[in-house]
């Protein structure tokens, strides 16, 4: 079965949701993943659909016109000074067809994170949505182990662990670790590779503008993907150099090409076992 692939917002940062939907459709992506909960990042469109009904209508019509599906919305950040009530944002996302929400923790207060996720997961459940909990190396929860502990404490069936390949690589996640946790705990997968040469002092730069095409970096993508459930994958692969070289659309096209090649290789028989 061919894996379903989505185009994540951060792959082409600064793009509007309407343009992203059109780009994903033109390039042959199965889904798109858009940022509808603004983060206040400079140079990025601050999209807040519950406060912009005209944009909501335009996005809904564009999805229909392009025959494109919305996979997820982002980004719910868990932090003491940020909101906990996201019902209207979730409602808008669900009305557009999204079933998934992206989230991460940006506080060291794990008790607060557990309490906040309990409320956020309840809100998401009202709209039949899953909350996908990521553990970025630059955030307040940096490891799979710590994310899984919070998932256990929250105890919500719709709280899933989001596996971003670059963070899995840096956290030294192994297929055996994934199997020990159980596939039912995992949700969306973020596809990208870790560049073979990078500076430890430039983690944020690598995360936001230096990720590598799948199969060209140093992460053991095939082993991790074989261990994970065959859930939809969202390509989150920002790379400033590639966008300058190929253009935003050309970069997004390359992202899909390398991802498809990776999955095609995953489906090949293991020659060592069949020899």
C-alpha atoms as a PDB file:
ATOM      1  CA  UNK A   1       0.000   0.000   0.000  1.00  0.00           C
ATOM      2  CA  UNK A   2       1.402   3.390  -0.977  1.00  0.00           C
ATOM      3  CA  UNK A   3       2.030   5.612   2.017  1.00  0.00           C
ATOM      4  CA  UNK A   4      -0.037   8.790   2.198  1.00  0.00           C
ATOM      5  CA  UNK A   5       2.110  11.918   2.292  1.00  0.00           C
ATOM      6  CA  UNK A   6       1.286  15.468   3.314  1.00  0.00           C
ATOM      7  CA  UNK A   7       3.076  18.770   2.706  1.00  0.00           C
ATOM      8  CA  UNK A   8       3.820  20.448   6.044  1.00  0.00           C
ATOM      9  CA  UNK A   9       3.761  24.208   6.435  1.00  0.00           C
ATOM     10  CA  UNK A  10       7.365  24.532   7.609  1.00  0.00           C
ATOM     11  CA  UNK A  11       8.721  22.945   4.407  1.00  0.00           C
ATOM     12  CA  UNK A  12       7.807  26.145   2.574  1.00  0.00           C
ATOM     13  CA  UNK A  13       7.674  28.674   5.445  1.00  0.00           C
ATOM     14  CA  UNK A  14       5.905  31.937   4.798  1.00  0.00           C
ATOM     15  CA  UNK A  15       3.440  30.432   2.327  1.00  0.00           C
ATOM     16  CA  UNK A  16      -0.259  31.188   2.720  1.00  0.00           C
ATOM     17  CA  UNK A  17      -2.654  28.277   3.326  1.00  0.00           C
ATOM     18  CA  UNK A  18      -4.360  28.796  -0.056  1.00  0.00           C
ATOM     19  CA  UNK A  19      -1.057  28.761  -1.948  1.00  0.00           C
ATOM     20  CA  UNK A  20       0.132  25.751   0.031  1.00  0.00           C
ATOM     21  CA  UNK A  21      -3.011  23.792  -0.831  1.00  0.00           C
ATOM     22  CA  UNK A  22      -2.611  24.581  -4.513  1.00  0.00           C
ATOM     23  CA  UNK A  23       1.065  23.671  -4.468  1.00  0.00           C
ATOM     24  CA  UNK A  24       0.427  20.354  -2.731  1.00  0.00           C
ATOM     25  CA  UNK A  25      -2.280  19.471  -5.230  1.00  0.00           C
ATOM     26  CA  UNK A  26      -0.179  20.389  -8.261  1.00  0.00           C
ATOM     27  CA  UNK A  27       2.764  18.303  -7.038  1.00  0.00           C
ATOM     28  CA  UNK A  28       0.732  15.205  -6.215  1.00  0.00           C
ATOM     29  CA  UNK A  29       0.710  15.215  -2.428  1.00  0.00           C
ATOM     30  CA  UNK A  30      -2.130  13.282  -0.796  1.00  0.00           C
ATOM     31  CA  UNK A  31      -2.715  15.878   1.924  1.00  0.00           C
ATOM     32  CA  UNK A  32      -1.637  19.252   3.132  1.00  0.00           C
ATOM     33  CA  UNK A  33      -0.875  20.376   6.682  1.00  0.00           C
ATOM     34  CA  UNK A  34      -1.431  24.050   7.435  1.00  0.00           C
ATOM     35  CA  UNK A  35      -0.645  26.396  10.316  1.00  0.00           C
ATOM     36  CA  UNK A  36      -3.942  27.807  11.575  1.00  0.00           C
ATOM     37  CA  UNK A  37      -2.836  28.605  15.128  1.00  0.00           C
ATOM     38  CA  UNK A  38      -0.492  31.597  14.788  1.00  0.00           C
ATOM     39  CA  UNK A  39       2.923  31.547  16.452  1.00  0.00           C
ATOM     40  CA  UNK A  40       3.880  35.184  15.897  1.00  0.00           C
ATOM     41  CA  UNK A  41       6.994  34.268  13.927  1.00  0.00           C
ATOM     42  CA  UNK A  42       8.332  37.192  11.860  1.00  0.00           C
ATOM     43  CA  UNK A  43       7.783  36.877   8.116  1.00  0.00           C
ATOM     44  CA  UNK A  44       5.036  34.264   8.513  1.00  0.00           C
ATOM     45  CA  UNK A  45       1.320  34.752   7.784  1.00  0.00           C
ATOM     46  CA  UNK A  46      -0.533  34.923  11.102  1.00  0.00           C
ATOM     47  CA  UNK A  47      -3.540  32.772  10.242  1.00  0.00           C
ATOM     48  CA  UNK A  48      -6.354  32.579  12.802  1.00  0.00           C
ATOM     49  CA  UNK A  49      -9.379  31.089  11.056  1.00  0.00           C
ATOM     50  CA  UNK A  50     -11.842  31.589  13.903  1.00  0.00           C
ATOM     51  CA  UNK A  51     -11.260  35.325  13.522  1.00  0.00           C
ATOM     52  CA  UNK A  52     -11.163  35.359   9.712  1.00  0.00           C
ATOM     53  CA  UNK A  53     -14.330  33.795   8.253  1.00  0.00           C
ATOM     54  CA  UNK A  54     -13.524  34.970   4.727  1.00  0.00           C
ATOM     55  CA  UNK A  55     -10.177  33.180   4.732  1.00  0.00           C
ATOM     56  CA  UNK A  56     -11.871  30.099   6.192  1.00  0.00           C
ATOM     57  CA  UNK A  57     -14.319  30.078   3.279  1.00  0.00           C
ATOM     58  CA  UNK A  58     -11.495  30.579   0.769  1.00  0.00           C
ATOM     59  CA  UNK A  59      -9.503  27.694   2.219  1.00  0.00           C
ATOM     60  CA  UNK A  60     -12.538  25.412   2.231  1.00  0.00           C
ATOM     61  CA  UNK A  61     -13.299  26.276  -1.394  1.00  0.00           C
ATOM     62  CA  UNK A  62      -9.663  25.826  -2.439  1.00  0.00           C
ATOM     63  CA  UNK A  63      -9.544  22.379  -0.825  1.00  0.00           C
ATOM     64  CA  UNK A  64     -12.676  21.464  -2.781  1.00  0.00           C
ATOM     65  CA  UNK A  65     -11.479  22.957  -6.073  1.00  0.00           C
ATOM     66  CA  UNK A  66      -8.104  21.212  -5.811  1.00  0.00           C
ATOM     67  CA  UNK A  67      -9.588  17.930  -4.559  1.00  0.00           C
ATOM     68  CA  UNK A  68      -7.117  18.160  -1.694  1.00  0.00           C
ATOM     69  CA  UNK A  69      -7.535  16.872   1.862  1.00  0.00           C
ATOM     70  CA  UNK A  70      -6.355  18.599   5.018  1.00  0.00           C
ATOM     71  CA  UNK A  71      -4.507  16.230   7.343  1.00  0.00           C
ATOM     72  CA  UNK A  72      -3.581  18.367  10.324  1.00  0.00           C
ATOM     73  CA  UNK A  73      -3.416  21.843  11.789  1.00  0.00           C
ATOM     74  CA  UNK A  74      -0.674  23.373  13.912  1.00  0.00           C
ATOM     75  CA  UNK A  75       0.688  24.436  16.324  1.00  0.00           C
ATOM     76  CA  UNK A  76      -0.584  24.083  19.875  1.00  0.00           C
ATOM     77  CA  UNK A  77       2.274  25.078  22.165  1.00  0.00           C
ATOM     78  CA  UNK A  78       1.947  24.125  25.811  1.00  0.00           C
ATOM     79  CA  UNK A  79       3.351  26.948  27.922  1.00  0.00           C
ATOM     80  CA  UNK A  80       2.125  28.811  30.988  1.00  0.00           C
ATOM     81  CA  UNK A  81       1.604  32.147  29.226  1.00  0.00           C
ATOM     82  CA  UNK A  82      -0.309  30.698  26.242  1.00  0.00           C
ATOM     83  CA  UNK A  83      -4.003  29.751  25.938  1.00  0.00           C
ATOM     84  CA  UNK A  84      -5.339  26.328  26.851  1.00  0.00           C
ATOM     85  CA  UNK A  85      -8.781  26.721  25.260  1.00  0.00           C
ATOM     86  CA  UNK A  86      -8.435  25.904  21.551  1.00  0.00           C
ATOM     87  CA  UNK A  87     -11.993  24.746  20.849  1.00  0.00           C
ATOM     88  CA  UNK A  88     -12.689  27.273  18.090  1.00  0.00           C
ATOM     89  CA  UNK A  89      -9.407  26.510  16.338  1.00  0.00           C
ATOM     90  CA  UNK A  90     -10.132  22.775  16.539  1.00  0.00           C
ATOM     91  CA  UNK A  91     -13.678  23.291  15.317  1.00  0.00           C
ATOM     92  CA  UNK A  92     -12.454  25.215  12.270  1.00  0.00           C
ATOM     93  CA  UNK A  93      -9.848  22.554  11.523  1.00  0.00           C
ATOM     94  CA  UNK A  94     -12.372  19.749  11.837  1.00  0.00           C
ATOM     95  CA  UNK A  95     -14.824  21.532   9.547  1.00  0.00           C
ATOM     96  CA  UNK A  96     -12.070  21.673   6.931  1.00  0.00           C
ATOM     97  CA  UNK A  97     -11.502  17.931   7.301  1.00  0.00           C
ATOM     98  CA  UNK A  98      -8.451  17.784   9.563  1.00  0.00           C
ATOM     99  CA  UNK A  99      -8.298  14.865  11.985  1.00  0.00           C
ATOM    100  CA  UNK A 100      -4.932  15.667  13.544  1.00  0.00           C
ATOM    101  CA  UNK A 101      -3.478  18.475  15.667  1.00  0.00           C
ATOM    102  CA  UNK A 102       0.228  19.114  16.169  1.00  0.00           C
ATOM    103  CA  UNK A 103       1.516  20.082  19.589  1.00  0.00           C
ATOM    104  CA  UNK A 104       4.696  20.424  21.652  1.00  0.00           C
ATOM    105  CA  UNK A 105       5.707  21.494  25.146  1.00  0.00           C
ATOM    106  CA  UNK A 106       7.661  24.694  25.754  1.00  0.00           C
ATOM    107  CA  UNK A 107       7.964  24.653  29.513  1.00  0.00           C
ATOM    108  CA  UNK A 108      10.084  22.641  31.942  1.00  0.00           C
ATOM    109  CA  UNK A 109       7.041  22.267  34.221  1.00  0.00           C
ATOM    110  CA  UNK A 110       5.935  18.710  33.439  1.00  0.00           C
ATOM    111  CA  UNK A 111       3.005  18.855  35.880  1.00  0.00           C
ATOM    112  CA  UNK A 112       1.625  21.850  34.017  1.00  0.00           C
ATOM    113  CA  UNK A 113       2.094  20.007  30.716  1.00  0.00           C
ATOM    114  CA  UNK A 114       0.127  17.011  31.972  1.00  0.00           C
ATOM    115  CA  UNK A 115      -2.720  19.196  33.224  1.00  0.00           C
ATOM    116  CA  UNK A 116      -2.791  21.238  30.017  1.00  0.00           C
ATOM    117  CA  UNK A 117      -2.812  18.174  27.760  1.00  0.00           C
ATOM    118  CA  UNK A 118      -5.697  16.712  29.712  1.00  0.00           C
ATOM    119  CA  UNK A 119      -7.792  19.765  28.832  1.00  0.00           C
ATOM    120  CA  UNK A 120      -6.517  20.074  25.260  1.00  0.00           C
ATOM    121  CA  UNK A 121      -7.199  16.400  24.530  1.00  0.00           C
ATOM    122  CA  UNK A 122     -10.749  16.741  25.877  1.00  0.00           C
ATOM    123  CA  UNK A 123     -11.346  19.669  23.538  1.00  0.00           C
ATOM    124  CA  UNK A 124      -9.879  17.788  20.555  1.00  0.00           C
ATOM    125  CA  UNK A 125     -12.025  14.743  21.323  1.00  0.00           C
ATOM    126  CA  UNK A 126     -15.156  16.875  20.973  1.00  0.00           C
ATOM    127  CA  UNK A 127     -14.295  17.147  17.267  1.00  0.00           C
ATOM    128  CA  UNK A 128     -12.958  13.625  16.764  1.00  0.00           C
ATOM    129  CA  UNK A 129      -9.352  14.805  16.545  1.00  0.00           C
ATOM    130  CA  UNK A 130      -6.045  13.425  17.766  1.00  0.00           C
ATOM    131  CA  UNK A 131      -3.386  15.533  19.463  1.00  0.00           C
ATOM    132  CA  UNK A 132       0.073  14.617  18.145  1.00  0.00           C
ATOM    133  CA  UNK A 133       2.752  15.338  20.745  1.00  0.00           C
ATOM    134  CA  UNK A 134       6.194  16.131  19.318  1.00  0.00           C
ATOM    135  CA  UNK A 135       9.480  16.293  21.236  1.00  0.00           C
ATOM    136  CA  UNK A 136      11.711  18.859  19.463  1.00  0.00           C
ATOM    137  CA  UNK A 137      15.264  18.978  20.745  1.00  0.00           C
ATOM    138  CA  UNK A 138      14.876  22.738  21.277  1.00  0.00           C
ATOM    139  CA  UNK A 139      11.644  22.447  23.312  1.00  0.00           C
ATOM    140  CA  UNK A 140      10.773  21.684  26.930  1.00  0.00           C
ATOM    141  CA  UNK A 141      10.311  17.945  26.253  1.00  0.00           C
ATOM    142  CA  UNK A 142      13.247  16.697  24.187  1.00  0.00           C
ATOM    143  CA  UNK A 143      13.077  12.910  24.287  1.00  0.00           C
ATOM    144  CA  UNK A 144      10.728  10.106  23.385  1.00  0.00           C
ATOM    145  CA  UNK A 145      11.019   8.772  26.926  1.00  0.00           C
ATOM    146  CA  UNK A 146       9.871  12.016  28.518  1.00  0.00           C
ATOM    147  CA  UNK A 147       7.066  12.458  25.980  1.00  0.00           C
ATOM    148  CA  UNK A 148       5.848   8.907  26.643  1.00  0.00           C
ATOM    149  CA  UNK A 149       5.825   9.575  30.401  1.00  0.00           C
ATOM    150  CA  UNK A 150       3.576  12.593  29.893  1.00  0.00           C
ATOM    151  CA  UNK A 151       1.382  10.566  27.531  1.00  0.00           C
ATOM    152  CA  UNK A 152       0.995   7.926  30.260  1.00  0.00           C
ATOM    153  CA  UNK A 153       0.126  10.501  32.910  1.00  0.00           C
ATOM    154  CA  UNK A 154      -2.468  12.212  30.719  1.00  0.00           C
ATOM    155  CA  UNK A 155      -4.069   8.901  29.819  1.00  0.00           C
ATOM    156  CA  UNK A 156      -6.055  10.264  26.865  1.00  0.00           C
ATOM    157  CA  UNK A 157      -6.624   7.849  23.987  1.00  0.00           C
ATOM    158  CA  UNK A 158      -6.334  10.689  21.463  1.00  0.00           C
ATOM    159  CA  UNK A 159      -2.886  11.824  22.643  1.00  0.00           C
ATOM    160  CA  UNK A 160      -0.374  10.305  20.228  1.00  0.00           C
ATOM    161  CA  UNK A 161       3.404  10.552  19.969  1.00  0.00           C
ATOM    162  CA  UNK A 162       4.541  12.422  16.864  1.00  0.00           C
ATOM    163  CA  UNK A 163       7.759  11.000  15.475  1.00  0.00           C
ATOM    164  CA  UNK A 164       9.842  13.588  13.651  1.00  0.00           C
ATOM    165  CA  UNK A 165      12.754  11.774  12.054  1.00  0.00           C
ATOM    166  CA  UNK A 166      15.375  14.407  12.859  1.00  0.00           C
ATOM    167  CA  UNK A 167      14.424  14.452  16.541  1.00  0.00           C
ATOM    168  CA  UNK A 168      14.308  10.657  16.647  1.00  0.00           C
ATOM    169  CA  UNK A 169      17.822  10.600  15.211  1.00  0.00           C
ATOM    170  CA  UNK A 170      19.172  13.104  17.727  1.00  0.00           C
ATOM    171  CA  UNK A 171      17.412  11.266  20.575  1.00  0.00           C
ATOM    172  CA  UNK A 172      18.944   7.978  19.379  1.00  0.00           C
ATOM    173  CA  UNK A 173      15.551   6.308  19.109  1.00  0.00           C
ATOM    174  CA  UNK A 174      15.843   2.694  17.953  1.00  0.00           C
ATOM    175  CA  UNK A 175      13.326   0.326  16.327  1.00  0.00           C
ATOM    176  CA  UNK A 176      13.499  -1.762  19.494  1.00  0.00           C
ATOM    177  CA  UNK A 177      12.399   1.224  21.586  1.00  0.00           C
ATOM    178  CA  UNK A 178       9.455   1.824  19.266  1.00  0.00           C
ATOM    179  CA  UNK A 179       8.398  -1.807  19.421  1.00  0.00           C
ATOM    180  CA  UNK A 180       8.655  -1.801  23.228  1.00  0.00           C
ATOM    181  CA  UNK A 181       6.261   1.141  23.507  1.00  0.00           C
ATOM    182  CA  UNK A 182       3.721  -0.387  21.106  1.00  0.00           C
ATOM    183  CA  UNK A 183       2.567   0.933  17.746  1.00  0.00           C
ATOM    184  CA  UNK A 184      -0.797   2.119  19.057  1.00  0.00           C
ATOM    185  CA  UNK A 185       0.920   4.957  20.936  1.00  0.00           C
ATOM    186  CA  UNK A 186       2.239   6.632  17.800  1.00  0.00           C
ATOM    187  CA  UNK A 187       0.503   9.074  15.485  1.00  0.00           C
ATOM    188  CA  UNK A 188       1.738  11.230  12.635  1.00  0.00           C
ATOM    189  CA  UNK A 189       5.266  10.965  11.284  1.00  0.00           C
ATOM    190  CA  UNK A 190       7.320  13.971  10.177  1.00  0.00           C
ATOM    191  CA  UNK A 191       9.595  13.067   7.307  1.00  0.00           C
ATOM    192  CA  UNK A 192      13.026  14.618   6.793  1.00  0.00           C
ATOM    193  CA  UNK A 193      16.639  13.567   7.172  1.00  0.00           C
ATOM    194  CA  UNK A 194      19.465  14.906   9.315  1.00  0.00           C
ATOM    195  CA  UNK A 195      22.304  16.506   7.347  1.00  0.00           C
ATOM    196  CA  UNK A 196      25.573  14.599   7.476  1.00  0.00           C
ATOM    197  CA  UNK A 197      27.478  17.731   8.479  1.00  0.00           C
ATOM    198  CA  UNK A 198      26.025  20.099  11.078  1.00  0.00           C
ATOM    199  CA  UNK A 199      27.194  22.089  14.063  1.00  0.00           C
ATOM    200  CA  UNK A 200      25.885  21.287  17.530  1.00  0.00           C
ATOM    201  CA  UNK A 201      25.830  25.019  18.233  1.00  0.00           C
ATOM    202  CA  UNK A 202      23.376  25.583  15.360  1.00  0.00           C
ATOM    203  CA  UNK A 203      20.522  23.247  16.301  1.00  0.00           C
ATOM    204  CA  UNK A 204      17.814  25.861  15.819  1.00  0.00           C
ATOM    205  CA  UNK A 205      19.236  26.786  12.409  1.00  0.00           C
ATOM    206  CA  UNK A 206      19.258  23.142  11.297  1.00  0.00           C
ATOM    207  CA  UNK A 207      15.718  22.612  12.599  1.00  0.00           C
ATOM    208  CA  UNK A 208      14.255  25.657  10.869  1.00  0.00           C
ATOM    209  CA  UNK A 209      16.285  25.922   7.674  1.00  0.00           C
ATOM    210  CA  UNK A 210      18.745  23.063   7.215  1.00  0.00           C
ATOM    211  CA  UNK A 211      17.023  19.673   7.118  1.00  0.00           C
ATOM    212  CA  UNK A 212      18.011  17.192   4.430  1.00  0.00           C
ATOM    213  CA  UNK A 213      16.041  15.278   1.790  1.00  0.00           C
ATOM    214  CA  UNK A 214      15.065  11.758   2.848  1.00  0.00           C
ATOM    215  CA  UNK A 215      17.838   9.282   2.166  1.00  0.00           C
ATOM    216  CA  UNK A 216      20.588  11.886   1.751  1.00  0.00           C
ATOM    217  CA  UNK A 217      21.371  12.353   5.418  1.00  0.00           C
ATOM    218  CA  UNK A 218      22.640  10.321   8.365  1.00  0.00           C
ATOM    219  CA  UNK A 219      19.374   9.245  10.034  1.00  0.00           C
ATOM    220  CA  UNK A 220      18.405   5.566   9.882  1.00  0.00           C
ATOM    221  CA  UNK A 221      15.042   6.335   8.306  1.00  0.00           C
ATOM    222  CA  UNK A 222      14.314   2.883   6.907  1.00  0.00           C
ATOM    223  CA  UNK A 223      14.715   1.094  10.225  1.00  0.00           C
ATOM    224  CA  UNK A 224      12.590   3.638  12.092  1.00  0.00           C
ATOM    225  CA  UNK A 225       9.833   3.667   9.482  1.00  0.00           C
ATOM    226  CA  UNK A 226       9.679  -0.125   9.387  1.00  0.00           C
ATOM    227  CA  UNK A 227       9.147  -0.169  13.160  1.00  0.00           C
ATOM    228  CA  UNK A 228       6.466   2.534  13.162  1.00  0.00           C
ATOM    229  CA  UNK A 229       2.837   2.011  12.089  1.00  0.00           C
ATOM    230  CA  UNK A 230       2.044   2.883   8.485  1.00  0.00           C
ATOM    231  CA  UNK A 231       0.397   6.144   9.467  1.00  0.00           C
ATOM    232  CA  UNK A 232       0.287   9.185   7.170  1.00  0.00           C
ATOM    233  CA  UNK A 233       3.558  11.068   6.916  1.00  0.00           C
ATOM    234  CA  UNK A 234       3.935  14.813   6.694  1.00  0.00           C
ATOM    235  CA  UNK A 235       7.090  16.116   5.047  1.00  0.00           C
ATOM    236  CA  UNK A 236       8.492  18.800   7.325  1.00  0.00           C
ATOM    237  CA  UNK A 237      11.744  19.687   5.638  1.00  0.00           C
ATOM    238  CA  UNK A 238      12.695  23.365   5.716  1.00  0.00           C
ATOM    239  CA  UNK A 239      15.924  24.084   3.873  1.00  0.00           C
ATOM    240  CA  UNK A 240      16.824  27.661   3.006  1.00  0.00           C
ATOM    241  CA  UNK A 241      19.587  26.666   0.580  1.00  0.00           C
ATOM    242  CA  UNK A 242      17.329  24.337  -1.405  1.00  0.00           C
ATOM    243  CA  UNK A 243      14.513  26.890  -1.605  1.00  0.00           C
ATOM    244  CA  UNK A 244      16.985  29.450  -2.964  1.00  0.00           C
ATOM    245  CA  UNK A 245      18.316  26.876  -5.438  1.00  0.00           C
ATOM    246  CA  UNK A 246      15.089  25.253  -6.642  1.00  0.00           C
ATOM    247  CA  UNK A 247      12.385  27.719  -5.597  1.00  0.00           C
ATOM    248  CA  UNK A 248       9.692  26.865  -3.066  1.00  0.00           C
ATOM    249  CA  UNK A 249       7.720  24.669  -5.466  1.00  0.00           C
ATOM    250  CA  UNK A 250      10.823  22.913  -6.782  1.00  0.00           C
ATOM    251  CA  UNK A 251      11.946  22.199  -3.227  1.00  0.00           C
ATOM    252  CA  UNK A 252       8.538  20.780  -2.275  1.00  0.00           C
ATOM    253  CA  UNK A 253       8.644  18.639  -5.429  1.00  0.00           C
ATOM    254  CA  UNK A 254      12.071  17.278  -4.505  1.00  0.00           C
ATOM    255  CA  UNK A 255      10.844  16.520  -0.988  1.00  0.00           C
ATOM    256  CA  UNK A 256       8.079  14.333  -2.383  1.00  0.00           C
ATOM    257  CA  UNK A 257      10.371  12.674  -4.928  1.00  0.00           C
ATOM    258  CA  UNK A 258      12.895  11.586  -2.300  1.00  0.00           C
ATOM    259  CA  UNK A 259      10.160  10.469   0.100  1.00  0.00           C
ATOM    260  CA  UNK A 260       8.508   8.317  -2.577  1.00  0.00           C
ATOM    261  CA  UNK A 261      11.896   6.814  -3.436  1.00  0.00           C
ATOM    262  CA  UNK A 262      12.463   5.996   0.239  1.00  0.00           C
ATOM    263  CA  UNK A 263       9.117   4.230   0.566  1.00  0.00           C
ATOM    264  CA  UNK A 264       9.652   2.343  -2.702  1.00  0.00           C
ATOM    265  CA  UNK A 265      12.906   1.001  -1.264  1.00  0.00           C
ATOM    266  CA  UNK A 266      11.146   0.028   1.959  1.00  0.00           C
ATOM    267  CA  UNK A 267       8.801  -2.175  -0.058  1.00  0.00           C
ATOM    268  CA  UNK A 268      11.669  -4.080  -1.719  1.00  0.00           C
ATOM    269  CA  UNK A 269      12.436  -7.553  -0.320  1.00  0.00           C
ATOM    270  CA  UNK A 270      15.423  -7.882   1.965  1.00  0.00           C
ATOM    271  CA  UNK A 271      18.008  -9.488  -0.344  1.00  0.00           C
ATOM    272  CA  UNK A 272      19.969 -10.909   2.567  1.00  0.00           C
ATOM    273  CA  UNK A 273      16.911 -12.774   3.835  1.00  0.00           C
ATOM    274  CA  UNK A 274      15.743 -14.002   0.432  1.00  0.00           C
ATOM    275  CA  UNK A 275      19.140 -15.070  -0.920  1.00  0.00           C
END
